Amino acid sequence: MTCDPTGDLVVSEYSTTEPSAYFSLIPTTRDGAIISEPALSIWKPRLPPGWVALGDFAQDHFDAPRSGVLIVKDDPTYLARPLDYEKIWTDPDYGSAPIVTFWRPIPPKGYLALGCVAEINGVKPSLDRVRCVRMDLVRPGRAGARIWTNPPGYYDPDTARPASVWM
């Protein structure tokens, strides 16, 4: 699939025929207990050389991913590393790890971040983790379905904000 009308920005749907070969699970359990009800699992794509992600993959169950995720051939003509990340939500610490934090890439001027990432224990993601897309290549769209909302009383300890995850 190609996003750019000139055919130069190469985008591919990453296969899920062997999920463990293509994705790494971001832990969302503590001592075997599910920390999110309803269910939420977050997966980091394992990328072939020369390819980058636009964000992590989230779904509303704990099984291996059943659908693909878009990855992009790394090309500085169309893509840029984020300048930094903004912490947008951290799950409450109830005394045992891991603590999951959601991060939004901060794009350089003229670029857009099209996804977010998750890390455990408050670790800020590497600037090489995702890419931002040149703004003139992006078209308006609509978010998909909401797949997760934090349970009542389960708010970010720093901001007291609730959180939602959308496809």
Foldseek 3Di string as FASTA:
>chain_A
DALDPVRPKDKDWDDCPPLVVFWDKADQDFPPHHPFPQAKTKIQTDDDPQKAALEIDMARDDDRDPTTGMIIRDDPVWKDFAPFWDWDFWWDCPPTDWIKTKIFGHHDPQWARDYIYIHTPPDGDDSRRHITGGPVSDDDDDWAAWNGKGDPPGGGPVPRDTDTDTD
